[in-house]
Protein backbone atom coordinates (compact mmCIF):
# COMPACT_ATOMS: atom_id res chain seq x y z
CA UNK A 1 -38.96 -29.66 32.33
CA UNK A 2 -41.75 -31.44 30.88
CA UNK A 3 -44.16 -29.93 28.18
CA UNK A 4 -47.35 -31.47 27.08
CA UNK A 5 -49.72 -28.72 25.90
CA UNK A 6 -51.65 -31.23 22.64
CA UNK A 7 -50.17 -28.76 19.85
CA UNK A 8 -48.72 -26.02 21.04
CA UNK A 9 -45.52 -27.12 21.99
CA UNK A 10 -43.49 -24.62 19.52
CA UNK A 11 -45.55 -21.83 21.31
CA UNK A 12 -44.42 -22.42 24.40
CA UNK A 13 -40.93 -23.14 23.39
CA UNK A 14 -40.13 -20.47 21.14
CA UNK A 15 -42.45 -18.06 23.15
CA UNK A 16 -39.98 -18.67 26.26
CA UNK A 17 -36.71 -18.29 24.04
CA UNK A 18 -34.97 -16.25 26.78
CA UNK A 19 -35.94 -18.42 29.52
CA UNK A 20 -34.66 -21.56 27.95
CA UNK A 21 -31.63 -19.87 26.48
CA UNK A 22 -30.41 -18.50 30.31
CA UNK A 23 -31.52 -21.78 32.02
CA UNK A 24 -30.96 -24.43 29.29
CA UNK A 25 -32.87 -26.94 30.75
CA UNK A 26 -33.38 -30.88 29.57
CA UNK A 27 -36.82 -30.58 28.03
CA UNK A 28 -39.30 -33.51 27.92
CA UNK A 29 -41.93 -32.96 24.93
CA UNK A 30 -44.15 -34.76 22.78
CA UNK A 31 -43.74 -33.72 18.85
CA UNK A 32 -46.53 -33.58 16.54
CA UNK A 33 -45.80 -32.12 12.83
CA UNK A 34 -49.52 -31.65 11.99
CA UNK A 35 -50.66 -30.31 15.25
CA UNK A 36 -47.88 -27.54 15.18
CA UNK A 37 -48.55 -26.74 11.44
CA UNK A 38 -52.41 -26.68 12.18
CA UNK A 39 -51.71 -24.11 15.13
CA UNK A 40 -49.88 -21.72 12.70
CA UNK A 41 -47.78 -19.68 15.09
CA UNK A 42 -44.62 -21.29 14.45
CA UNK A 43 -43.41 -23.77 11.69
CA UNK A 44 -41.95 -27.43 13.06
CA UNK A 45 -38.90 -25.77 11.29
CA UNK A 46 -38.94 -22.91 13.45
CA UNK A 47 -38.77 -25.52 16.34
CA UNK A 48 -35.86 -27.70 14.96
CA UNK A 49 -33.58 -24.59 14.26
CA UNK A 50 -34.11 -22.58 17.80
CA UNK A 51 -32.57 -25.90 19.15
CA UNK A 52 -30.35 -26.85 16.42
CA UNK A 53 -28.78 -23.01 16.29
CA UNK A 54 -28.68 -22.76 20.15
CA UNK A 55 -26.77 -25.98 20.53
CA UNK A 56 -29.32 -28.51 21.82
CA UNK A 57 -29.85 -32.19 20.91
CA UNK A 58 -33.28 -33.57 20.11
CA UNK A 59 -33.18 -37.07 21.20
CA UNK A 60 -36.22 -39.31 19.55
CA UNK A 61 -37.80 -41.63 22.19
CA UNK A 62 -39.31 -43.25 19.12
CA UNK A 63 -36.24 -43.82 16.73
CA UNK A 64 -33.78 -44.01 19.44
CA UNK A 65 -31.38 -41.74 18.39
CA UNK A 66 -30.40 -38.00 18.07
CA UNK A 67 -32.22 -36.41 15.38
CA UNK A 68 -30.26 -34.72 12.57
CA UNK A 69 -31.44 -31.93 10.32
CA UNK A 70 -31.32 -34.53 7.31
CA UNK A 71 -33.94 -36.93 9.53
CA UNK A 72 -36.21 -34.10 10.54
CA UNK A 73 -38.66 -34.00 7.33
CA UNK A 74 -39.46 -37.71 8.27
CA UNK A 75 -40.34 -37.29 11.97
CA UNK A 76 -44.23 -36.70 12.55
CA UNK A 77 -45.10 -37.65 15.79
CA UNK A 78 -42.47 -38.26 18.53
CA UNK A 79 -41.44 -37.89 22.29
CA UNK A 80 -38.46 -35.98 22.45
CA UNK A 81 -35.94 -35.17 24.87
CA UNK A 82 -34.19 -31.94 24.20
CA UNK A 83 -30.89 -31.09 25.73
CA UNK A 84 -28.00 -28.96 25.61
CA UNK A 85 -25.10 -30.71 23.73
CA UNK A 86 -22.67 -30.44 26.65
CA UNK A 87 -25.24 -32.34 29.07
CA UNK A 88 -24.98 -36.38 29.50
CA UNK A 89 -27.92 -38.05 30.47
CA UNK A 90 -27.21 -41.42 32.04
């Protein structure tokens, strides 16, 4: 699933929690902390916590690694691959 909605990623993802949790897709998404904060429906932490709490990994295409909670405050703009932790990507 690819999500590119110019700052409304949190609205799309968190507004569709049930579908994401039921189907557990791999998601390709842009991330921009400022745009999410300005939109205001959710915080960047809401988005990270949703995935973390539901056993998804967020892989940073910019930093080439899985984002840990301690890394998250320093992530401002990125392209993410979000996947259930039990799914391997080749």
